[in-house]
Amino acid sequence: MATQLLLHFPGFDEAQFDSDAENRANAGLTLLQRWTEESGPGHWLLFSVNDLPKAKAWLEKSSALGHGPAASHVLRTA
């Protein structure tokens, strides 16, 4: 069963996202897809998760630093 992480960012800082690439990789996250919202600056990002505890720790740290997503959802294939 594959685990994925879906994140929503109402605003998106491309430079911040790029600078965090190594931290995401160390947390076992691989970007699968990125969508932009048709009517605004929002972004949705879908990651493959290799290590859920590390991914959750990365998510908590990103939120504590003020650049985490507005919403996050852990998904598993059915």
N, C-alpha and C. Protein backbone atom coordinates (compact mmCIF):
# COMPACT_ATOMS: atom_id res chain seq x y z
N MET A 1 0.85 -1.17 0.00
CA MET A 1 0.00 0.00 0.00
C MET A 1 0.90 1.24 0.00
N ALA A 2 0.72 2.11 -0.98
CA ALA A 2 1.52 3.33 -1.09
C ALA A 2 0.93 4.44 -0.23
N THR A 3 1.80 5.21 0.38
CA THR A 3 1.39 6.36 1.18
C THR A 3 1.79 7.63 0.46
N GLN A 4 0.87 8.59 0.45
CA GLN A 4 1.14 9.88 -0.18
C GLN A 4 0.69 10.98 0.76
N LEU A 5 1.24 12.17 0.52
CA LEU A 5 0.92 13.34 1.33
C LEU A 5 0.46 14.45 0.40
N LEU A 6 -0.74 14.96 0.62
CA LEU A 6 -1.31 16.04 -0.17
C LEU A 6 -1.30 17.31 0.67
N LEU A 7 -0.67 18.35 0.15
CA LEU A 7 -0.54 19.62 0.88
C LEU A 7 -1.19 20.75 0.10
N HIS A 8 -1.80 21.68 0.84
CA HIS A 8 -2.38 22.87 0.21
C HIS A 8 -1.72 24.12 0.77
N PHE A 9 -1.24 24.95 -0.13
CA PHE A 9 -0.64 26.23 0.22
C PHE A 9 -1.48 27.33 -0.43
N PRO A 10 -2.19 28.19 0.35
CA PRO A 10 -2.99 29.26 -0.24
C PRO A 10 -2.13 30.27 -1.01
N GLY A 11 -0.92 30.48 -0.53
CA GLY A 11 0.08 31.29 -1.23
C GLY A 11 1.30 30.40 -1.38
N PHE A 12 2.11 30.68 -2.36
CA PHE A 12 3.23 29.76 -2.61
C PHE A 12 4.50 30.56 -2.87
N ASP A 13 5.54 30.25 -2.10
CA ASP A 13 6.84 30.90 -2.25
C ASP A 13 7.78 29.92 -2.95
N GLU A 14 8.00 30.13 -4.22
CA GLU A 14 8.82 29.23 -5.03
C GLU A 14 10.24 29.11 -4.50
N ALA A 15 10.83 30.24 -4.09
CA ALA A 15 12.20 30.22 -3.57
C ALA A 15 12.29 29.40 -2.28
N GLN A 16 11.32 29.56 -1.39
CA GLN A 16 11.30 28.79 -0.14
C GLN A 16 11.14 27.30 -0.44
N PHE A 17 10.25 26.99 -1.37
CA PHE A 17 10.03 25.60 -1.75
C PHE A 17 11.32 24.97 -2.28
N ASP A 18 11.99 25.68 -3.17
CA ASP A 18 13.24 25.17 -3.75
C ASP A 18 14.33 25.00 -2.71
N SER A 19 14.42 25.95 -1.78
CA SER A 19 15.47 25.88 -0.76
C SER A 19 15.25 24.75 0.25
N ASP A 20 14.03 24.23 0.31
CA ASP A 20 13.70 23.16 1.26
C ASP A 20 13.80 21.76 0.64
N ALA A 21 14.29 21.67 -0.58
CA ALA A 21 14.32 20.39 -1.30
C ALA A 21 15.11 19.32 -0.55
N GLU A 22 16.26 19.66 0.00
CA GLU A 22 17.08 18.68 0.70
C GLU A 22 16.37 18.18 1.96
N ASN A 23 15.71 19.09 2.68
CA ASN A 23 14.98 18.68 3.89
C ASN A 23 13.84 17.73 3.55
N ARG A 24 13.13 18.00 2.46
CA ARG A 24 12.05 17.10 2.04
C ARG A 24 12.60 15.73 1.66
N ALA A 25 13.70 15.72 0.94
CA ALA A 25 14.32 14.45 0.54
C ALA A 25 14.75 13.66 1.77
N ASN A 26 15.34 14.33 2.75
CA ASN A 26 15.77 13.66 3.98
C ASN A 26 14.58 13.13 4.79
N ALA A 27 13.40 13.73 4.57
CA ALA A 27 12.18 13.28 5.25
C ALA A 27 11.48 12.17 4.46
N GLY A 28 12.08 11.73 3.36
CA GLY A 28 11.50 10.64 2.58
C GLY A 28 10.36 11.06 1.67
N LEU A 29 10.35 12.35 1.29
CA LEU A 29 9.29 12.86 0.43
C LEU A 29 9.80 13.07 -0.99
N THR A 30 8.99 12.65 -1.95
CA THR A 30 9.30 12.85 -3.37
C THR A 30 8.09 13.52 -4.01
N LEU A 31 8.29 14.67 -4.64
CA LEU A 31 7.20 15.37 -5.29
C LEU A 31 6.71 14.58 -6.49
N LEU A 32 5.42 14.29 -6.52
CA LEU A 32 4.81 13.56 -7.63
C LEU A 32 4.09 14.51 -8.59
N GLN A 33 3.38 15.49 -8.02
CA GLN A 33 2.56 16.38 -8.83
C GLN A 33 2.37 17.70 -8.11
N ARG A 34 2.29 18.77 -8.90
CA ARG A 34 2.02 20.10 -8.34
C ARG A 34 0.97 20.77 -9.21
N TRP A 35 -0.08 21.26 -8.55
CA TRP A 35 -1.15 21.94 -9.25
C TRP A 35 -1.25 23.38 -8.76
N THR A 36 -1.65 24.28 -9.65
CA THR A 36 -1.96 25.65 -9.26
C THR A 36 -3.46 25.83 -9.36
N GLU A 37 -3.98 26.72 -8.52
CA GLU A 37 -5.42 26.99 -8.55
C GLU A 37 -5.72 27.96 -9.67
N GLU A 38 -6.79 27.71 -10.37
CA GLU A 38 -7.16 28.52 -11.52
C GLU A 38 -7.45 29.97 -11.14
N SER A 39 -8.03 30.17 -9.97
CA SER A 39 -8.50 31.51 -9.61
C SER A 39 -7.65 32.21 -8.56
N GLY A 40 -6.42 31.76 -8.31
CA GLY A 40 -5.63 32.42 -7.29
C GLY A 40 -4.23 31.86 -7.19
N PRO A 41 -3.51 32.30 -6.17
CA PRO A 41 -2.10 31.91 -6.02
C PRO A 41 -1.88 30.56 -5.33
N GLY A 42 -2.95 29.87 -5.00
CA GLY A 42 -2.82 28.62 -4.25
C GLY A 42 -2.18 27.51 -5.04
N HIS A 43 -1.53 26.61 -4.31
CA HIS A 43 -0.90 25.43 -4.89
C HIS A 43 -1.29 24.20 -4.08
N TRP A 44 -1.42 23.07 -4.76
CA TRP A 44 -1.59 21.76 -4.16
C TRP A 44 -0.39 20.93 -4.58
N LEU A 45 0.21 20.22 -3.63
CA LEU A 45 1.37 19.39 -3.92
C LEU A 45 1.12 17.97 -3.42
N LEU A 46 1.45 17.00 -4.25
CA LEU A 46 1.29 15.59 -3.89
C LEU A 46 2.67 14.95 -3.83
N PHE A 47 2.98 14.37 -2.68
CA PHE A 47 4.27 13.72 -2.46
C PHE A 47 4.10 12.24 -2.22
N SER A 48 5.05 11.46 -2.68
CA SER A 48 5.19 10.07 -2.28
C SER A 48 5.91 10.08 -0.94
N VAL A 49 5.47 9.23 -0.01
CA VAL A 49 6.04 9.19 1.33
C VAL A 49 6.75 7.85 1.54
N ASN A 50 8.05 7.92 1.83
CA ASN A 50 8.82 6.70 2.10
C ASN A 50 8.94 6.40 3.58
N ASP A 51 8.79 7.43 4.43
CA ASP A 51 8.93 7.28 5.87
C ASP A 51 7.95 8.24 6.54
N LEU A 52 6.78 7.74 6.92
CA LEU A 52 5.72 8.60 7.44
C LEU A 52 6.12 9.36 8.70
N PRO A 53 6.78 8.75 9.70
CA PRO A 53 7.18 9.53 10.87
C PRO A 53 8.11 10.70 10.51
N LYS A 54 9.06 10.48 9.59
CA LYS A 54 9.95 11.57 9.17
C LYS A 54 9.17 12.65 8.41
N ALA A 55 8.23 12.23 7.60
CA ALA A 55 7.42 13.19 6.85
C ALA A 55 6.58 14.05 7.80
N LYS A 56 6.02 13.43 8.81
CA LYS A 56 5.23 14.19 9.79
C LYS A 56 6.11 15.14 10.58
N ALA A 57 7.32 14.73 10.91
CA ALA A 57 8.26 15.61 11.62
C ALA A 57 8.62 16.80 10.74
N TRP A 58 8.86 16.56 9.46
CA TRP A 58 9.17 17.66 8.53
C TRP A 58 7.98 18.63 8.46
N LEU A 59 6.78 18.09 8.39
CA LEU A 59 5.58 18.90 8.31
C LEU A 59 5.42 19.77 9.56
N GLU A 60 5.64 19.18 10.73
CA GLU A 60 5.55 19.94 11.99
C GLU A 60 6.61 21.04 12.04
N LYS A 61 7.82 20.74 11.63
CA LYS A 61 8.90 21.73 11.64
C LYS A 61 8.60 22.86 10.66
N SER A 62 8.12 22.53 9.47
CA SER A 62 7.79 23.55 8.47
C SER A 62 6.70 24.47 9.00
N SER A 63 5.71 23.90 9.65
CA SER A 63 4.62 24.71 10.21
C SER A 63 5.14 25.60 11.34
N ALA A 64 6.00 25.06 12.19
CA ALA A 64 6.56 25.84 13.29
C ALA A 64 7.41 27.00 12.79
N LEU A 65 8.05 26.83 11.64
CA LEU A 65 8.88 27.88 11.06
C LEU A 65 8.06 28.89 10.25
N GLY A 66 6.76 28.66 10.13
CA GLY A 66 5.88 29.61 9.47
C GLY A 66 5.73 29.44 7.98
N HIS A 67 6.23 28.34 7.42
CA HIS A 67 6.05 28.14 5.98
C HIS A 67 5.44 26.77 5.66
N GLY A 68 4.67 26.28 6.61
CA GLY A 68 3.97 25.01 6.39
C GLY A 68 2.69 25.22 5.60
N PRO A 69 2.07 24.14 5.18
CA PRO A 69 0.83 24.24 4.42
C PRO A 69 -0.36 24.61 5.30
N ALA A 70 -1.41 25.10 4.66
CA ALA A 70 -2.65 25.40 5.37
C ALA A 70 -3.41 24.12 5.68
N ALA A 71 -3.21 23.09 4.85
CA ALA A 71 -3.89 21.81 5.06
C ALA A 71 -2.97 20.69 4.59
N SER A 72 -3.07 19.56 5.27
CA SER A 72 -2.30 18.38 4.87
C SER A 72 -3.16 17.15 5.06
N HIS A 73 -2.99 16.20 4.15
CA HIS A 73 -3.76 14.97 4.18
C HIS A 73 -2.83 13.80 3.85
N VAL A 74 -2.79 12.81 4.72
CA VAL A 74 -2.06 11.57 4.44
C VAL A 74 -3.03 10.64 3.74
N LEU A 75 -2.62 10.14 2.57
CA LEU A 75 -3.48 9.28 1.75
C LEU A 75 -2.81 7.94 1.53
N ARG A 76 -3.60 6.89 1.44
CA ARG A 76 -3.10 5.56 1.10
C ARG A 76 -3.90 5.02 -0.06
N THR A 77 -3.23 4.32 -0.97
CA THR A 77 -3.96 3.74 -2.09
C THR A 77 -4.93 2.69 -1.59
N ALA A 78 -6.08 2.63 -2.21
CA ALA A 78 -7.12 1.69 -1.79
C ALA A 78 -7.01 0.39 -2.57
